[in-house]
Amino acid sequence: MTELGSTWALTPSDRRDRRFGWLMASPSLAILFLVILFPVFWALFTSLHDYTLIAPNFDTFTGTGNFTKALGEAEFRHTLWLTAFFVLAVVLLEFALGFLVALMLNSVERFKGIYYAILLCPLLMNPVIVGLIWRMFLHPSLGIVNYLLSVVGIAPVNWLGSTDVALWTVVMVDIWHQVSFMIVLLLAGLSALPKEPYEAARVDGASIWQCFWRITVPLMRPVIIVTLLIRLIFAVKTYDLIYIMTRGGPGVSTDFVSYFIYRTAFVSLNIGEASAMSIILLAFVLGLTLYLYRYMRSLV
């Protein structure tokens, strides 16, 4: 009632200002619609039809047929579980390592600029370049990693050709590339924390661990949630490393959902089913984002 009453209580001048605001924002909203919403609606429309690159038309309406077919495929379900495992592994490991490094850097006073430059180097590199570099490093016979292992008497490892090792190799490379993102965001949050609670805790005789669990973690919780959310969204979309390093192999051990959707669209030429898979992935990411956003709002 309050919001409704305030709306009806707008003066003619306020209404003119509001119309002027919408008028000024309309070009940006139109661009946003064309760049983001139009492709999503187009993918949704395509997912409801039997659209292939062999017969690129919308003559056959399938309704939810493409969604049912996609969810009924064991290979697609496998890619979903594999992607979920990868996302969970990289996000948790990067968060643990990133938080540890951020805590150490937060207590450093000298040469912070040098440390920042070192940390940002991997993050500034394109994922395609990262994949190519690590593919050379991890070559089973010519790579420098196996050479260094042989120096200390360890047998060479087929990093990208073994079904038992390939997934963890991709996880390792992703951590090397993206952990700097976690460090920078968490370090920014740590730098903004107030000093007074720590001073009061030290006066009361609190230990370092007590300060960490009772002050740092509660105050950092909104920053942690935002960091995990952003990193999770980017991890779900991982495609570049897979395309460059493994092409989903060996077998289907690294066949993540983004790469599987690509193969469905441009190898199997089934754009309609690939669009349905994309909508399923989008719905999953939106649902998880909404849940984490509401959880974050409850903390504020």
C-alpha atoms as a PDB file:
ATOM      1  CA  MET A   1       0.000   0.000   0.000  1.00  0.00           C
ATOM      2  CA  THR A   2       2.835   2.359   0.774  1.00  0.00           C
ATOM      3  CA  GLU A   3       4.494   1.843  -2.604  1.00  0.00           C
ATOM      4  CA  LEU A   4       1.144   2.157  -4.390  1.00  0.00           C
ATOM      5  CA  GLY A   5       0.291   5.322  -2.503  1.00  0.00           C
ATOM      6  CA  SER A   6       3.681   6.859  -3.251  1.00  0.00           C
ATOM      7  CA  THR A   7       3.218   6.071  -6.953  1.00  0.00           C
ATOM      8  CA  TRP A   8      -0.168   7.787  -7.115  1.00  0.00           C
ATOM      9  CA  ALA A   9       1.219  10.721  -5.143  1.00  0.00           C
ATOM     10  CA  LEU A  10       3.736  11.591  -7.853  1.00  0.00           C
ATOM     11  CA  THR A  11       3.508  15.157  -9.019  1.00  0.00           C
ATOM     12  CA  PRO A  12       3.403  16.047 -12.745  1.00  0.00           C
ATOM     13  CA  SER A  13       7.030  17.137 -12.441  1.00  0.00           C
ATOM     14  CA  ASP A  14       7.989  13.741 -10.985  1.00  0.00           C
ATOM     15  CA  ARG A  15       6.171  11.940 -13.790  1.00  0.00           C
ATOM     16  CA  ARG A  16       8.000  14.036 -16.381  1.00  0.00           C
ATOM     17  CA  ASP A  17      11.317  13.216 -14.708  1.00  0.00           C
ATOM     18  CA  ARG A  18      10.448   9.528 -14.699  1.00  0.00           C
ATOM     19  CA  ARG A  19       9.469   9.564 -18.374  1.00  0.00           C
ATOM     20  CA  PHE A  20      12.674  11.439 -19.175  1.00  0.00           C
ATOM     21  CA  GLY A  21      14.683   8.830 -17.255  1.00  0.00           C
ATOM     22  CA  TRP A  22      13.062   5.975 -19.208  1.00  0.00           C
ATOM     23  CA  LEU A  23      13.682   7.876 -22.438  1.00  0.00           C
ATOM     24  CA  MET A  24      17.377   8.300 -21.649  1.00  0.00           C
ATOM     25  CA  ALA A  25      17.711   4.660 -20.584  1.00  0.00           C
ATOM     26  CA  SER A  26      15.847   3.232 -23.589  1.00  0.00           C
ATOM     27  CA  PRO A  27      18.890   3.082 -25.950  1.00  0.00           C
ATOM     28  CA  SER A  28      20.890   1.111 -23.390  1.00  0.00           C
ATOM     29  CA  LEU A  29      17.917  -1.158 -22.670  1.00  0.00           C
ATOM     30  CA  ALA A  30      17.437  -1.765 -26.399  1.00  0.00           C
ATOM     31  CA  ILE A  31      21.112  -2.693 -26.812  1.00  0.00           C
ATOM     32  CA  LEU A  32      20.872  -4.952 -23.761  1.00  0.00           C
ATOM     33  CA  PHE A  33      17.845  -6.674 -25.276  1.00  0.00           C
ATOM     34  CA  LEU A  34      19.589  -7.210 -28.613  1.00  0.00           C
ATOM     35  CA  VAL A  35      22.840  -8.453 -27.103  1.00  0.00           C
ATOM     36  CA  ILE A  36      21.517 -10.656 -24.270  1.00  0.00           C
ATOM     37  CA  LEU A  37      17.781 -11.286 -24.351  1.00  0.00           C
ATOM     38  CA  PHE A  38      17.329 -11.746 -28.094  1.00  0.00           C
ATOM     39  CA  PRO A  39      19.865 -14.634 -28.350  1.00  0.00           C
ATOM     40  CA  VAL A  40      18.276 -16.304 -25.315  1.00  0.00           C
ATOM     41  CA  PHE A  41      14.772 -16.039 -26.782  1.00  0.00           C
ATOM     42  CA  TRP A  42      16.069 -17.221 -30.142  1.00  0.00           C
ATOM     43  CA  ALA A  43      17.710 -20.258 -28.526  1.00  0.00           C
ATOM     44  CA  LEU A  44      14.477 -21.007 -26.660  1.00  0.00           C
ATOM     45  CA  PHE A  45      12.457 -20.719 -29.869  1.00  0.00           C
ATOM     46  CA  THR A  46      14.922 -22.947 -31.729  1.00  0.00           C
ATOM     47  CA  SER A  47      14.854 -25.547 -28.954  1.00  0.00           C
ATOM     48  CA  LEU A  48      11.141 -26.044 -29.590  1.00  0.00           C
ATOM     49  CA  HIS A  49      11.695 -27.023 -33.238  1.00  0.00           C
ATOM     50  CA  ASP A  50      13.470 -29.735 -35.182  1.00  0.00           C
ATOM     51  CA  TYR A  51      16.102 -27.342 -36.506  1.00  0.00           C
ATOM     52  CA  THR A  52      19.277 -28.807 -37.976  1.00  0.00           C
ATOM     53  CA  LEU A  53      22.005 -27.454 -40.224  1.00  0.00           C
ATOM     54  CA  ILE A  54      20.917 -30.019 -42.828  1.00  0.00           C
ATOM     55  CA  ALA A  55      17.332 -28.729 -42.750  1.00  0.00           C
ATOM     56  CA  PRO A  56      17.608 -25.177 -41.343  1.00  0.00           C
ATOM     57  CA  ASN A  57      13.908 -24.355 -40.990  1.00  0.00           C
ATOM     58  CA  PHE A  58      11.237 -24.156 -38.314  1.00  0.00           C
ATOM     59  CA  ASP A  59       8.653 -26.297 -40.108  1.00  0.00           C
ATOM     60  CA  THR A  60       8.517 -29.037 -37.445  1.00  0.00           C
ATOM     61  CA  PHE A  61       7.402 -27.999 -33.976  1.00  0.00           C
ATOM     62  CA  THR A  62       8.605 -30.485 -31.352  1.00  0.00           C
ATOM     63  CA  GLY A  63       7.562 -28.703 -28.171  1.00  0.00           C
ATOM     64  CA  THR A  64       9.496 -30.239 -25.287  1.00  0.00           C
ATOM     65  CA  GLY A  65      10.745 -33.079 -27.478  1.00  0.00           C
ATOM     66  CA  ASN A  66      14.299 -31.793 -27.671  1.00  0.00           C
ATOM     67  CA  PHE A  67      14.407 -31.324 -23.900  1.00  0.00           C
ATOM     68  CA  THR A  68      13.096 -34.839 -23.293  1.00  0.00           C
ATOM     69  CA  LYS A  69      15.562 -36.293 -25.782  1.00  0.00           C
ATOM     70  CA  ALA A  70      18.486 -34.404 -24.240  1.00  0.00           C
ATOM     71  CA  LEU A  71      17.662 -35.442 -20.669  1.00  0.00           C
ATOM     72  CA  GLY A  72      17.099 -39.002 -21.843  1.00  0.00           C
ATOM     73  CA  GLU A  73      20.608 -39.299 -23.283  1.00  0.00           C
ATOM     74  CA  ALA A  74      23.024 -41.013 -20.909  1.00  0.00           C
ATOM     75  CA  GLU A  75      25.935 -39.129 -22.465  1.00  0.00           C
ATOM     76  CA  PHE A  76      24.361 -35.733 -21.757  1.00  0.00           C
ATOM     77  CA  ARG A  77      23.618 -36.710 -18.159  1.00  0.00           C
ATOM     78  CA  HIS A  78      27.218 -37.872 -17.860  1.00  0.00           C
ATOM     79  CA  THR A  79      28.467 -34.470 -19.046  1.00  0.00           C
ATOM     80  CA  LEU A  80      26.242 -32.738 -16.470  1.00  0.00           C
ATOM     81  CA  TRP A  81      27.636 -34.828 -13.602  1.00  0.00           C
ATOM     82  CA  LEU A  82      31.195 -34.418 -14.920  1.00  0.00           C
ATOM     83  CA  THR A  83      30.757 -30.653 -15.163  1.00  0.00           C
ATOM     84  CA  ALA A  84      29.272 -30.515 -11.661  1.00  0.00           C
ATOM     85  CA  PHE A  85      32.258 -32.430 -10.290  1.00  0.00           C
ATOM     86  CA  PHE A  86      34.705 -30.167 -12.125  1.00  0.00           C
ATOM     87  CA  VAL A  87      32.968 -26.999 -10.921  1.00  0.00           C
ATOM     88  CA  LEU A  88      32.874 -28.226  -7.324  1.00  0.00           C
ATOM     89  CA  ALA A  89      36.545 -29.253  -7.429  1.00  0.00           C
ATOM     90  CA  VAL A  90      37.954 -26.071  -8.975  1.00  0.00           C
ATOM     91  CA  VAL A  91      35.784 -23.653  -6.989  1.00  0.00           C
ATOM     92  CA  LEU A  92      36.533 -25.240  -3.612  1.00  0.00           C
ATOM     93  CA  LEU A  93      40.248 -25.736  -4.268  1.00  0.00           C
ATOM     94  CA  GLU A  94      40.676 -22.260  -5.743  1.00  0.00           C
ATOM     95  CA  PHE A  95      38.787 -20.745  -2.831  1.00  0.00           C
ATOM     96  CA  ALA A  96      40.879 -22.566  -0.226  1.00  0.00           C
ATOM     97  CA  LEU A  97      44.159 -21.669  -1.916  1.00  0.00           C
ATOM     98  CA  GLY A  98      43.007 -18.140  -2.783  1.00  0.00           C
ATOM     99  CA  PHE A  99      41.826 -17.374   0.749  1.00  0.00           C
ATOM    100  CA  LEU A 100      45.107 -18.643   2.195  1.00  0.00           C
ATOM    101  CA  VAL A 101      47.205 -16.512  -0.150  1.00  0.00           C
ATOM    102  CA  ALA A 102      44.927 -13.491   0.362  1.00  0.00           C
ATOM    103  CA  LEU A 103      45.327 -13.770   4.144  1.00  0.00           C
ATOM    104  CA  MET A 104      49.106 -13.894   3.787  1.00  0.00           C
ATOM    105  CA  LEU A 105      49.226 -10.963   1.355  1.00  0.00           C
ATOM    106  CA  ASN A 106      46.918  -8.914   3.558  1.00  0.00           C
ATOM    107  CA  SER A 107      49.578  -8.944   6.285  1.00  0.00           C
ATOM    108  CA  VAL A 108      52.375  -7.969   3.883  1.00  0.00           C
ATOM    109  CA  GLU A 109      53.383  -4.322   3.822  1.00  0.00           C
ATOM    110  CA  ARG A 110      56.294  -4.201   1.341  1.00  0.00           C
ATOM    111  CA  PHE A 111      56.444  -5.112  -2.362  1.00  0.00           C
ATOM    112  CA  LYS A 112      52.681  -5.608  -2.679  1.00  0.00           C
ATOM    113  CA  GLY A 113      52.778  -4.228  -6.209  1.00  0.00           C
ATOM    114  CA  ILE A 114      55.253  -6.924  -7.258  1.00  0.00           C
ATOM    115  CA  TYR A 115      53.098  -9.664  -5.767  1.00  0.00           C
ATOM    116  CA  TYR A 116      50.014  -8.296  -7.528  1.00  0.00           C
ATOM    117  CA  ALA A 117      51.856  -8.259 -10.864  1.00  0.00           C
ATOM    118  CA  ILE A 118      52.943 -11.886 -10.425  1.00  0.00           C
ATOM    119  CA  LEU A 119      49.445 -12.990  -9.449  1.00  0.00           C
ATOM    120  CA  LEU A 120      47.737 -11.221 -12.323  1.00  0.00           C
ATOM    121  CA  CYS A 121      49.987 -12.647 -15.041  1.00  0.00           C
ATOM    122  CA  PRO A 122      48.057 -15.950 -15.432  1.00  0.00           C
ATOM    123  CA  LEU A 123      44.700 -14.199 -15.152  1.00  0.00           C
ATOM    124  CA  LEU A 124      45.548 -11.807 -17.984  1.00  0.00           C
ATOM    125  CA  MET A 125      46.281 -14.677 -20.361  1.00  0.00           C
ATOM    126  CA  ASN A 126      43.653 -15.913 -22.799  1.00  0.00           C
ATOM    127  CA  PRO A 127      42.358 -19.429 -21.947  1.00  0.00           C
ATOM    128  CA  VAL A 128      43.333 -20.623 -25.434  1.00  0.00           C
ATOM    129  CA  ILE A 129      46.936 -19.543 -24.826  1.00  0.00           C
ATOM    130  CA  VAL A 130      46.887 -21.190 -21.398  1.00  0.00           C
ATOM    131  CA  GLY A 131      45.643 -24.431 -22.945  1.00  0.00           C
ATOM    132  CA  LEU A 132      48.334 -24.400 -25.634  1.00  0.00           C
ATOM    133  CA  ILE A 133      51.113 -23.668 -23.133  1.00  0.00           C
ATOM    134  CA  TRP A 134      50.094 -26.420 -20.750  1.00  0.00           C
ATOM    135  CA  ARG A 135      49.507 -28.853 -23.582  1.00  0.00           C
ATOM    136  CA  MET A 136      53.183 -28.423 -24.519  1.00  0.00           C
ATOM    137  CA  PHE A 137      54.329 -28.556 -20.884  1.00  0.00           C
ATOM    138  CA  LEU A 138      52.389 -31.795 -20.297  1.00  0.00           C
ATOM    139  CA  HIS A 139      53.442 -33.599 -23.484  1.00  0.00           C
ATOM    140  CA  PRO A 140      54.170 -37.221 -22.446  1.00  0.00           C
ATOM    141  CA  SER A 141      57.626 -37.385 -24.058  1.00  0.00           C
ATOM    142  CA  LEU A 142      58.636 -33.790 -24.887  1.00  0.00           C
ATOM    143  CA  GLY A 143      57.013 -31.837 -22.041  1.00  0.00           C
ATOM    144  CA  ILE A 144      59.046 -30.142 -19.361  1.00  0.00           C
ATOM    145  CA  VAL A 145      56.835 -31.520 -16.559  1.00  0.00           C
ATOM    146  CA  ASN A 146      57.690 -35.147 -17.275  1.00  0.00           C
ATOM    147  CA  TYR A 147      61.330 -34.178 -17.771  1.00  0.00           C
ATOM    148  CA  LEU A 148      61.453 -32.642 -14.284  1.00  0.00           C
ATOM    149  CA  LEU A 149      59.764 -35.743 -12.882  1.00  0.00           C
ATOM    150  CA  SER A 150      62.360 -37.956 -14.553  1.00  0.00           C
ATOM    151  CA  VAL A 151      65.136 -35.895 -12.936  1.00  0.00           C
ATOM    152  CA  VAL A 152      63.901 -36.932  -9.489  1.00  0.00           C
ATOM    153  CA  GLY A 153      63.302 -40.542 -10.591  1.00  0.00           C
ATOM    154  CA  ILE A 154      59.517 -40.446 -11.150  1.00  0.00           C
ATOM    155  CA  ALA A 155      58.120 -42.275 -14.179  1.00  0.00           C
ATOM    156  CA  PRO A 156      56.512 -40.144 -16.931  1.00  0.00           C
ATOM    157  CA  VAL A 157      52.777 -39.521 -16.620  1.00  0.00           C
ATOM    158  CA  ASN A 158      50.367 -39.439 -19.545  1.00  0.00           C
ATOM    159  CA  TRP A 159      48.683 -36.292 -18.253  1.00  0.00           C
ATOM    160  CA  LEU A 160      46.141 -35.801 -21.043  1.00  0.00           C
ATOM    161  CA  GLY A 161      45.898 -39.359 -22.393  1.00  0.00           C
ATOM    162  CA  SER A 162      44.875 -41.267 -19.270  1.00  0.00           C
ATOM    163  CA  THR A 163      41.240 -41.486 -18.211  1.00  0.00           C
ATOM    164  CA  ASP A 164      42.340 -41.514 -14.562  1.00  0.00           C
ATOM    165  CA  VAL A 165      44.512 -38.414 -14.806  1.00  0.00           C
ATOM    166  CA  ALA A 166      43.086 -36.172 -17.575  1.00  0.00           C
ATOM    167  CA  LEU A 167      40.244 -34.680 -15.534  1.00  0.00           C
ATOM    168  CA  TRP A 168      42.515 -33.770 -12.624  1.00  0.00           C
ATOM    169  CA  THR A 169      45.025 -32.344 -15.082  1.00  0.00           C
ATOM    170  CA  VAL A 170      42.358 -29.973 -16.418  1.00  0.00           C
ATOM    171  CA  VAL A 171      41.428 -29.092 -12.833  1.00  0.00           C
ATOM    172  CA  MET A 172      45.081 -28.302 -12.079  1.00  0.00           C
ATOM    173  CA  VAL A 173      45.454 -26.085 -15.164  1.00  0.00           C
ATOM    174  CA  ASP A 174      42.214 -24.237 -14.375  1.00  0.00           C
ATOM    175  CA  ILE A 175      43.392 -23.602 -10.818  1.00  0.00           C
ATOM    176  CA  TRP A 176      46.696 -22.239 -12.093  1.00  0.00           C
ATOM    177  CA  HIS A 177      44.827 -19.913 -14.435  1.00  0.00           C
ATOM    178  CA  GLN A 178      41.947 -18.730 -12.253  1.00  0.00           C
ATOM    179  CA  VAL A 179      43.137 -18.787  -8.651  1.00  0.00           C
ATOM    180  CA  SER A 180      44.392 -15.214  -9.041  1.00  0.00           C
ATOM    181  CA  PHE A 181      40.780 -14.128  -9.531  1.00  0.00           C
ATOM    182  CA  MET A 182      39.877 -15.526  -6.116  1.00  0.00           C
ATOM    183  CA  ILE A 183      42.930 -13.944  -4.510  1.00  0.00           C
ATOM    184  CA  VAL A 184      42.242 -10.462  -5.875  1.00  0.00           C
ATOM    185  CA  LEU A 185      38.572 -10.396  -4.838  1.00  0.00           C
ATOM    186  CA  LEU A 186      39.179 -11.891  -1.395  1.00  0.00           C
ATOM    187  CA  LEU A 187      42.143  -9.601  -0.798  1.00  0.00           C
ATOM    188  CA  ALA A 188      39.989  -6.593  -1.676  1.00  0.00           C
ATOM    189  CA  GLY A 189      37.429  -7.747   0.887  1.00  0.00           C
ATOM    190  CA  LEU A 190      40.077  -8.306   3.549  1.00  0.00           C
ATOM    191  CA  SER A 191      41.575  -4.874   2.939  1.00  0.00           C
ATOM    192  CA  ALA A 192      38.183  -3.247   3.543  1.00  0.00           C
ATOM    193  CA  LEU A 193      37.546  -4.911   6.911  1.00  0.00           C
ATOM    194  CA  PRO A 194      37.450  -2.548   9.914  1.00  0.00           C
ATOM    195  CA  LYS A 195      40.389  -2.682  12.335  1.00  0.00           C
ATOM    196  CA  GLU A 196      38.444  -1.958  15.525  1.00  0.00           C
ATOM    197  CA  PRO A 197      37.022  -5.498  16.088  1.00  0.00           C
ATOM    198  CA  TYR A 198      40.526  -7.000  15.851  1.00  0.00           C
ATOM    199  CA  GLU A 199      41.946  -4.457  18.291  1.00  0.00           C
ATOM    200  CA  ALA A 200      39.154  -5.157  20.762  1.00  0.00           C
ATOM    201  CA  ALA A 201      39.651  -8.922  20.367  1.00  0.00           C
ATOM    202  CA  ARG A 202      43.395  -8.634  21.028  1.00  0.00           C
ATOM    203  CA  VAL A 203      42.701  -6.599  24.156  1.00  0.00           C
ATOM    204  CA  ASP A 204      40.378  -9.397  25.336  1.00  0.00           C
ATOM    205  CA  GLY A 205      43.114 -11.971  24.702  1.00  0.00           C
ATOM    206  CA  ALA A 206      41.669 -13.645  21.613  1.00  0.00           C
ATOM    207  CA  SER A 207      43.993 -15.875  19.614  1.00  0.00           C
ATOM    208  CA  ILE A 208      44.658 -15.609  15.861  1.00  0.00           C
ATOM    209  CA  TRP A 209      42.322 -18.523  15.143  1.00  0.00           C
ATOM    210  CA  GLN A 210      39.575 -17.033  17.287  1.00  0.00           C
ATOM    211  CA  CYS A 211      39.902 -13.721  15.420  1.00  0.00           C
ATOM    212  CA  PHE A 212      39.738 -15.577  12.117  1.00  0.00           C
ATOM    213  CA  TRP A 213      36.641 -17.648  12.900  1.00  0.00           C
ATOM    214  CA  ARG A 214      34.764 -15.080  14.989  1.00  0.00           C
ATOM    215  CA  ILE A 215      35.602 -11.866  13.081  1.00  0.00           C
ATOM    216  CA  THR A 216      37.160 -12.425   9.658  1.00  0.00           C
ATOM    217  CA  VAL A 217      34.866 -15.173   8.379  1.00  0.00           C
ATOM    218  CA  PRO A 218      31.559 -13.532   9.468  1.00  0.00           C
ATOM    219  CA  LEU A 219      32.578 -10.129   8.072  1.00  0.00           C
ATOM    220  CA  MET A 220      33.868 -11.671   4.847  1.00  0.00           C
ATOM    221  CA  ARG A 221      30.802 -13.844   4.250  1.00  0.00           C
ATOM    222  CA  PRO A 222      29.102 -11.545   1.680  1.00  0.00           C
ATOM    223  CA  VAL A 223      32.379 -11.160  -0.237  1.00  0.00           C
ATOM    224  CA  ILE A 224      32.923 -14.925  -0.125  1.00  0.00           C
ATOM    225  CA  ILE A 225      29.433 -15.628  -1.482  1.00  0.00           C
ATOM    226  CA  VAL A 226      29.847 -13.161  -4.357  1.00  0.00           C
ATOM    227  CA  THR A 227      33.300 -14.539  -5.201  1.00  0.00           C
ATOM    228  CA  LEU A 228      32.086 -18.131  -5.200  1.00  0.00           C
ATOM    229  CA  LEU A 229      29.046 -17.206  -7.289  1.00  0.00           C
ATOM    230  CA  ILE A 230      31.047 -15.414  -9.974  1.00  0.00           C
ATOM    231  CA  ARG A 231      33.672 -18.137 -10.137  1.00  0.00           C
ATOM    232  CA  LEU A 232      31.024 -20.862 -10.251  1.00  0.00           C
ATOM    233  CA  ILE A 233      29.292 -19.265 -13.240  1.00  0.00           C
ATOM    234  CA  PHE A 234      32.565 -19.002 -15.153  1.00  0.00           C
ATOM    235  CA  ALA A 235      33.547 -22.584 -14.248  1.00  0.00           C
ATOM    236  CA  VAL A 236      30.281 -23.979 -15.600  1.00  0.00           C
ATOM    237  CA  LYS A 237      31.027 -22.363 -18.970  1.00  0.00           C
ATOM    238  CA  THR A 238      34.521 -23.901 -19.270  1.00  0.00           C
ATOM    239  CA  TYR A 239      35.074 -24.701 -22.944  1.00  0.00           C
ATOM    240  CA  ASP A 240      38.391 -23.269 -24.127  1.00  0.00           C
ATOM    241  CA  LEU A 241      40.657 -25.537 -22.087  1.00  0.00           C
ATOM    242  CA  ILE A 242      38.746 -28.642 -23.102  1.00  0.00           C
ATOM    243  CA  TYR A 243      38.759 -27.761 -26.790  1.00  0.00           C
ATOM    244  CA  ILE A 244      42.489 -27.031 -26.827  1.00  0.00           C
ATOM    245  CA  MET A 245      43.808 -29.676 -24.439  1.00  0.00           C
ATOM    246  CA  THR A 246      41.653 -32.817 -24.625  1.00  0.00           C
ATOM    247  CA  ARG A 247      38.681 -32.396 -27.026  1.00  0.00           C
ATOM    248  CA  GLY A 248      36.599 -34.178 -24.389  1.00  0.00           C
ATOM    249  CA  GLY A 249      38.924 -37.179 -24.236  1.00  0.00           C
ATOM    250  CA  PRO A 250      40.336 -39.594 -23.589  1.00  0.00           C
ATOM    251  CA  GLY A 251      36.990 -41.213 -24.238  1.00  0.00           C
ATOM    252  CA  VAL A 252      34.481 -38.966 -22.488  1.00  0.00           C
ATOM    253  CA  SER A 253      36.514 -38.386 -19.313  1.00  0.00           C
ATOM    254  CA  THR A 254      36.667 -34.598 -19.853  1.00  0.00           C
ATOM    255  CA  ASP A 255      33.563 -34.126 -21.984  1.00  0.00           C
ATOM    256  CA  PHE A 256      32.060 -31.140 -20.181  1.00  0.00           C
ATOM    257  CA  VAL A 257      28.594 -29.914 -20.998  1.00  0.00           C
ATOM    258  CA  SER A 258      29.711 -26.814 -22.936  1.00  0.00           C
ATOM    259  CA  TYR A 259      31.884 -28.908 -25.240  1.00  0.00           C
ATOM    260  CA  PHE A 260      29.145 -31.528 -25.604  1.00  0.00           C
ATOM    261  CA  ILE A 261      26.687 -28.805 -26.652  1.00  0.00           C
ATOM    262  CA  TYR A 262      29.213 -27.573 -29.205  1.00  0.00           C
ATOM    263  CA  ARG A 263      29.605 -31.084 -30.639  1.00  0.00           C
ATOM    264  CA  THR A 264      25.849 -31.571 -30.779  1.00  0.00           C
ATOM    265  CA  ALA A 265      25.420 -28.308 -32.684  1.00  0.00           C
ATOM    266  CA  PHE A 266      28.373 -28.310 -35.091  1.00  0.00           C
ATOM    267  CA  VAL A 267      29.375 -31.967 -35.377  1.00  0.00           C
ATOM    268  CA  SER A 268      25.986 -33.679 -35.166  1.00  0.00           C
ATOM    269  CA  LEU A 269      24.452 -30.542 -36.766  1.00  0.00           C
ATOM    270  CA  ASN A 270      21.433 -30.688 -34.439  1.00  0.00           C
ATOM    271  CA  ILE A 271      20.915 -27.038 -33.503  1.00  0.00           C
ATOM    272  CA  GLY A 272      17.502 -27.634 -31.941  1.00  0.00           C
ATOM    273  CA  GLU A 273      18.731 -30.215 -29.442  1.00  0.00           C
ATOM    274  CA  ALA A 274      21.868 -28.181 -28.703  1.00  0.00           C
ATOM    275  CA  SER A 275      19.658 -25.169 -27.967  1.00  0.00           C
ATOM    276  CA  ALA A 276      17.569 -27.271 -25.593  1.00  0.00           C
ATOM    277  CA  MET A 277      20.732 -28.339 -23.773  1.00  0.00           C
ATOM    278  CA  SER A 278      21.817 -24.710 -23.554  1.00  0.00           C
ATOM    279  CA  ILE A 279      18.467 -23.727 -22.025  1.00  0.00           C
ATOM    280  CA  ILE A 280      18.761 -26.543 -19.480  1.00  0.00           C
ATOM    281  CA  LEU A 281      22.236 -25.335 -18.531  1.00  0.00           C
ATOM    282  CA  LEU A 282      21.014 -21.729 -18.341  1.00  0.00           C
ATOM    283  CA  ALA A 283      18.117 -22.733 -16.086  1.00  0.00           C
ATOM    284  CA  PHE A 284      20.504 -24.580 -13.778  1.00  0.00           C
ATOM    285  CA  VAL A 285      22.888 -21.612 -13.539  1.00  0.00           C
ATOM    286  CA  LEU A 286      20.037 -19.123 -13.003  1.00  0.00           C
ATOM    287  CA  GLY A 287      18.503 -21.280 -10.279  1.00  0.00           C
ATOM    288  CA  LEU A 288      21.809 -21.616  -8.462  1.00  0.00           C
ATOM    289  CA  THR A 289      22.505 -17.901  -8.863  1.00  0.00           C
ATOM    290  CA  LEU A 290      19.097 -16.988  -7.455  1.00  0.00           C
ATOM    291  CA  TYR A 291      19.594 -19.287  -4.482  1.00  0.00           C
ATOM    292  CA  LEU A 292      23.029 -17.859  -3.657  1.00  0.00           C
ATOM    293  CA  TYR A 293      21.763 -14.296  -4.171  1.00  0.00           C
ATOM    294  CA  ARG A 294      18.913 -14.814  -1.715  1.00  0.00           C
ATOM    295  CA  TYR A 295      21.308 -16.412   0.743  1.00  0.00           C
ATOM    296  CA  MET A 296      23.636 -13.431   0.402  1.00  0.00           C
ATOM    297  CA  ARG A 297      20.758 -10.986   0.962  1.00  0.00           C
ATOM    298  CA  SER A 298      19.817 -12.839   4.137  1.00  0.00           C
ATOM    299  CA  LEU A 299      23.315 -12.185   5.516  1.00  0.00           C
ATOM    300  CA  VAL A 300      23.187  -8.426   5.028  1.00  0.00           C
END
